[in-house]
C-alpha atoms as a PDB file:
ATOM      1  CA  MET A   1      81.546  18.049-101.980  1.00  0.00           C
ATOM      2  CA  LYS A   2      84.183  20.569-100.908  1.00  0.00           C
ATOM      3  CA  HIS A   3      83.449  19.896 -97.226  1.00  0.00           C
ATOM      4  CA  LEU A   4      83.715  16.161 -97.771  1.00  0.00           C
ATOM      5  CA  LEU A   5      87.181  16.521 -99.326  1.00  0.00           C
ATOM      6  CA  ILE A   6      88.356  18.737 -96.459  1.00  0.00           C
ATOM      7  CA  LEU A   7      87.018  16.263 -93.909  1.00  0.00           C
ATOM      8  CA  LEU A   8      88.662  13.342 -95.711  1.00  0.00           C
ATOM      9  CA  ALA A   9      92.010  15.164 -95.869  1.00  0.00           C
ATOM     10  CA  ALA A  10      91.821  15.985 -92.149  1.00  0.00           C
ATOM     11  CA  VAL A  11      91.045  12.387 -91.201  1.00  0.00           C
ATOM     12  CA  MET A  12      93.950  11.089 -93.295  1.00  0.00           C
ATOM     13  CA  ALA A  13      96.362  13.620 -91.784  1.00  0.00           C
ATOM     14  CA  LEU A  14      95.381  12.749 -88.235  1.00  0.00           C
ATOM     15  CA  SER A  15      95.463   8.999 -88.774  1.00  0.00           C
ATOM     16  CA  ALA A  16      98.906   8.952 -90.404  1.00  0.00           C
ATOM     17  CA  PRO A  17     101.676   8.056 -87.942  1.00  0.00           C
ATOM     18  CA  ALA A  18     104.375  10.629 -87.326  1.00  0.00           C
ATOM     19  CA  GLN A  19     107.443   9.819 -89.396  1.00  0.00           C
ATOM     20  CA  ALA A  20     110.025  12.151 -87.879  1.00  0.00           C
ATOM     21  CA  ALA A  21     113.331  10.454 -88.538  1.00  0.00           C
ATOM     22  CA  CYS A  22     115.921  10.343 -85.780  1.00  0.00           C
ATOM     23  CA  TYR A  23     119.661   9.795 -86.163  1.00  0.00           C
ATOM     24  CA  ALA A  24     122.704   9.912 -83.888  1.00  0.00           C
ATOM     25  CA  ASP A  25     126.368  10.438 -84.540  1.00  0.00           C
ATOM     26  CA  TYR A  26     128.701   8.561 -82.250  1.00  0.00           C
ATOM     27  CA  LYS A  27     132.271   7.411 -81.608  1.00  0.00           C
ATOM     28  CA  ALA A  28     133.202   3.769 -81.044  1.00  0.00           C
ATOM     29  CA  LYS A  29     136.364   1.708 -80.552  1.00  0.00           C
ATOM     30  CA  GLN A  30     137.801  -1.785 -80.795  1.00  0.00           C
ATOM     31  CA  ASP A  31     140.815  -3.049 -78.845  1.00  0.00           C
ATOM     32  CA  ASN A  32     143.755  -5.245 -79.889  1.00  0.00           C
ATOM     33  CA  PRO A  33     144.607  -3.503 -82.122  1.00  0.00           C
ATOM     34  CA  LEU A  34     143.054  -0.192 -81.178  1.00  0.00           C
ATOM     35  CA  ARG A  35     140.654   1.029 -83.867  1.00  0.00           C
ATOM     36  CA  LEU A  36     138.347   4.026 -83.658  1.00  0.00           C
ATOM     37  CA  HIS A  37     135.448   5.080 -85.812  1.00  0.00           C
ATOM     38  CA  TYR A  38     132.922   7.862 -86.143  1.00  0.00           C
ATOM     39  CA  GLY A  39     129.493   6.810 -87.377  1.00  0.00           C
ATOM     40  CA  VAL A  40     125.927   7.841 -87.982  1.00  0.00           C
ATOM     41  CA  ALA A  41     123.043   5.514 -87.110  1.00  0.00           C
ATOM     42  CA  GLN A  42     119.294   5.642 -87.583  1.00  0.00           C
ATOM     43  CA  LEU A  43     117.268   5.304 -84.407  1.00  0.00           C
ATOM     44  CA  PRO A  44     113.639   4.626 -83.562  1.00  0.00           C
ATOM     45  CA  ASP A  45     111.721   7.844 -82.835  1.00  0.00           C
ATOM     46  CA  GLU A  46     111.459   7.014 -79.129  1.00  0.00           C
ATOM     47  CA  ALA A  47     115.277   6.843 -78.847  1.00  0.00           C
ATOM     48  CA  CYS A  48     115.996  10.397 -79.960  1.00  0.00           C
ATOM     49  CA  THR A  49     117.891  11.487 -76.845  1.00  0.00           C
ATOM     50  CA  LYS A  50     121.537  10.791 -76.039  1.00  0.00           C
ATOM     51  CA  PRO A  51     120.808   8.290 -73.221  1.00  0.00           C
ATOM     52  CA  ALA A  52     118.172   6.438 -75.255  1.00  0.00           C
ATOM     53  CA  ALA A  53     120.420   6.414 -78.325  1.00  0.00           C
ATOM     54  CA  ALA A  54     123.199   4.855 -76.254  1.00  0.00           C
ATOM     55  CA  ARG A  55     120.824   2.109 -75.062  1.00  0.00           C
ATOM     56  CA  VAL A  56     119.861   1.320 -78.663  1.00  0.00           C
ATOM     57  CA  LEU A  57     123.329   1.568 -80.227  1.00  0.00           C
ATOM     58  CA  THR A  58     125.351  -0.291 -77.570  1.00  0.00           C
ATOM     59  CA  PRO A  59     124.051  -3.786 -78.451  1.00  0.00           C
ATOM     60  CA  ARG A  60     124.217  -3.077 -82.196  1.00  0.00           C
ATOM     61  CA  LEU A  61     127.864  -2.100 -81.952  1.00  0.00           C
ATOM     62  CA  GLN A  62     128.778  -4.869 -79.484  1.00  0.00           C
ATOM     63  CA  ALA A  63     127.406  -7.480 -81.877  1.00  0.00           C
ATOM     64  CA  ALA A  64     130.077  -6.330 -84.356  1.00  0.00           C
ATOM     65  CA  GLY A  65     132.866  -6.165 -81.756  1.00  0.00           C
ATOM     66  CA  TRP A  66     132.729  -2.396 -81.147  1.00  0.00           C
ATOM     67  CA  HIS A  67     132.436  -0.508 -77.849  1.00  0.00           C
ATOM     68  CA  LEU A  68     130.377   2.706 -77.837  1.00  0.00           C
ATOM     69  CA  LEU A  69     132.452   5.597 -76.504  1.00  0.00           C
ATOM     70  CA  THR A  70     129.972   8.457 -76.787  1.00  0.00           C
ATOM     71  CA  ILE A  71     126.872   9.749 -78.492  1.00  0.00           C
ATOM     72  CA  LEU A  72     127.831  13.125 -79.912  1.00  0.00           C
ATOM     73  CA  SER A  73     124.328  14.284 -80.849  1.00  0.00           C
ATOM     74  CA  THR A  74     120.898  13.254 -82.034  1.00  0.00           C
ATOM     75  CA  PHE A  75     119.329  15.001 -85.013  1.00  0.00           C
ATOM     76  CA  GLY A  76     116.801  14.753 -87.832  1.00  0.00           C
ATOM     77  CA  GLU A  77     117.178  14.193 -91.566  1.00  0.00           C
ATOM     78  CA  ASP A  78     118.403  17.739 -92.019  1.00  0.00           C
ATOM     79  CA  GLY A  79     121.750  16.804 -90.419  1.00  0.00           C
ATOM     80  CA  LEU A  80     122.490  13.714 -92.511  1.00  0.00           C
ATOM     81  CA  ALA A  81     124.152  15.256 -95.549  1.00  0.00           C
ATOM     82  CA  GLU A  82     126.766  17.178 -93.588  1.00  0.00           C
ATOM     83  CA  ARG A  83     127.863  14.032 -91.703  1.00  0.00           C
ATOM     84  CA  LYS A  84     127.924  11.521 -94.555  1.00  0.00           C
ATOM     85  CA  ALA A  85     131.511  12.138 -95.716  1.00  0.00           C
ATOM     86  CA  SER A  86     132.902  12.092 -92.169  1.00  0.00           C
ATOM     87  CA  ALA A  87     131.196   8.805 -91.306  1.00  0.00           C
ATOM     88  CA  GLY A  88     132.424   7.063 -94.461  1.00  0.00           C
ATOM     89  CA  PRO A  89     131.720   3.304 -94.282  1.00  0.00           C
ATOM     90  CA  TYR A  90     130.016   3.765 -90.887  1.00  0.00           C
ATOM     91  CA  TYR A  91     127.284   5.985 -92.317  1.00  0.00           C
ATOM     92  CA  LEU A  92     123.991   4.277 -91.382  1.00  0.00           C
ATOM     93  CA  ARG A  93     125.821   0.959 -90.912  1.00  0.00           C
ATOM     94  CA  TYR A  94     124.667   0.193 -87.371  1.00  0.00           C
END
């Protein structure tokens, strides 16, 4: 019975998809009048590099009239809390 439980636990662990969350903090702007914002966005796992994050975020921001200036960093869930206050209304908005 013990071996069956260990085997079942191993199968479940291996079959579960990896759920490593990925986030990026970025700067964006609008023109006429000039507006700037700092934000934090959730990304798909495969976009957890600066270039990939830029490819994902650019159309999201453009749809709302914003132009991506730069991706500052990509990070996991452990970096969310320290950025929440700075991002304000742009925390996980795009």
